[in-house]
Amino acid sequence: MGRRSLPDGEALLIERCAAIHTWFMRFPIDVAFLDREHRVLRAASAVAPWRVRSCRGADATLELPSGALAKSETREGDLLELEV
């Protein structure tokens, strides 16, 4: 909140989360909904401010800079390895 962008190479992992909103955000983001093993259940690119996205069965949500999913060629079904 309050940021003007999400820098390349950064992400926000929200655990135990199956829905997000982009209210009050100033920029679009990419979103990946993950299961417990970090497999992508649903991917949404360039989610604009003032939107809501959800995925039934998701265990976590990964918020990324807009364009990150396309750049990394991340697709639904991919298994992600996260560095924390």
Protein backbone atom coordinates (compact mmCIF):
# COMPACT_ATOMS: atom_id res chain seq x y z
CA MET A 1 0.00 0.00 0.00
CA GLY A 2 1.22 3.45 -0.83
CA ARG A 3 3.77 2.20 -3.37
CA ARG A 4 3.89 3.48 -6.93
CA SER A 5 5.09 0.13 -8.31
CA LEU A 6 6.29 -3.34 -7.45
CA PRO A 7 9.96 -3.58 -8.47
CA ASP A 8 11.09 -6.29 -10.89
CA GLY A 9 12.34 -9.34 -9.05
CA GLU A 10 10.08 -8.74 -6.05
CA ALA A 11 6.85 -10.50 -5.14
CA LEU A 12 4.41 -10.74 -2.26
CA LEU A 13 3.37 -14.21 -1.09
CA ILE A 14 0.14 -14.20 0.90
CA GLU A 15 -0.41 -17.54 2.62
CA ARG A 16 -3.84 -19.00 3.35
CA CYS A 17 -5.34 -16.68 0.75
CA ALA A 18 -7.74 -17.56 -2.08
CA ALA A 19 -8.82 -14.02 -3.03
CA ILE A 20 -7.21 -10.61 -3.47
CA HIS A 21 -8.29 -7.08 -4.30
CA THR A 22 -6.37 -4.23 -5.86
CA TRP A 23 -8.35 -1.45 -4.23
CA PHE A 24 -6.31 1.71 -3.68
CA MET A 25 -3.42 0.35 -5.75
CA ARG A 26 -1.84 2.65 -8.31
CA PHE A 27 -0.56 0.04 -10.76
CA PRO A 28 -1.53 -3.32 -12.28
CA ILE A 29 -0.08 -6.59 -10.96
CA ASP A 30 0.18 -10.21 -12.05
CA VAL A 31 -1.37 -12.76 -9.69
CA ALA A 32 -0.77 -16.50 -9.33
CA PHE A 33 -3.04 -18.55 -7.08
CA LEU A 34 -1.16 -21.55 -5.67
CA ASP A 35 -2.03 -24.86 -4.04
CA ARG A 36 -0.16 -26.23 -1.00
CA GLU A 37 2.68 -27.55 -3.16
CA HIS A 38 2.97 -24.15 -4.92
CA ARG A 39 1.47 -25.42 -8.18
CA VAL A 40 -0.24 -22.62 -10.13
CA LEU A 41 -3.99 -23.15 -10.07
CA ARG A 42 -4.87 -19.88 -11.79
CA ALA A 43 -2.83 -17.06 -13.28
CA ALA A 44 -4.10 -13.54 -13.94
CA SER A 45 -1.99 -11.00 -15.83
CA ALA A 46 -2.10 -7.22 -15.49
CA VAL A 47 -4.88 -7.06 -12.91
CA ALA A 48 -5.80 -3.38 -12.90
CA PRO A 49 -6.46 -1.28 -9.79
CA TRP A 50 -9.92 -1.59 -8.23
CA ARG A 51 -10.40 -5.25 -9.21
CA VAL A 52 -11.04 -8.50 -7.32
CA ARG A 53 -9.68 -11.94 -8.26
CA SER A 54 -10.18 -15.31 -6.55
CA CYS A 55 -9.54 -19.01 -7.02
CA ARG A 56 -11.49 -21.71 -5.24
CA GLY A 57 -9.11 -24.15 -3.57
CA ALA A 58 -6.08 -21.85 -3.55
CA ASP A 59 -3.84 -22.03 -0.49
CA ALA A 60 -1.69 -18.97 -1.29
CA THR A 61 -1.55 -16.01 -3.62
CA LEU A 62 1.59 -14.64 -5.24
CA GLU A 63 1.47 -11.00 -6.35
CA LEU A 64 4.09 -10.02 -8.95
CA PRO A 65 5.00 -6.99 -11.07
CA SER A 66 2.83 -6.74 -14.16
CA GLY A 67 4.41 -8.72 -16.98
CA ALA A 68 6.32 -11.12 -14.72
CA LEU A 69 4.11 -14.12 -15.58
CA ALA A 70 4.62 -13.62 -19.32
CA LYS A 71 8.35 -12.93 -18.94
CA SER A 72 8.85 -16.15 -16.95
CA GLU A 73 6.38 -18.08 -19.13
CA THR A 74 4.54 -19.17 -15.97
CA ARG A 75 1.31 -21.02 -16.73
CA GLU A 76 -1.45 -22.80 -14.87
CA GLY A 77 -0.19 -26.21 -13.79
CA ASP A 78 3.43 -25.08 -13.31
CA LEU A 79 5.12 -26.01 -10.04
CA LEU A 80 6.94 -23.00 -8.56
CA GLU A 81 10.06 -23.04 -6.44
CA LEU A 82 9.95 -20.03 -4.13
CA GLU A 83 13.01 -18.42 -2.53
CA VAL A 84 12.00 -16.75 0.71
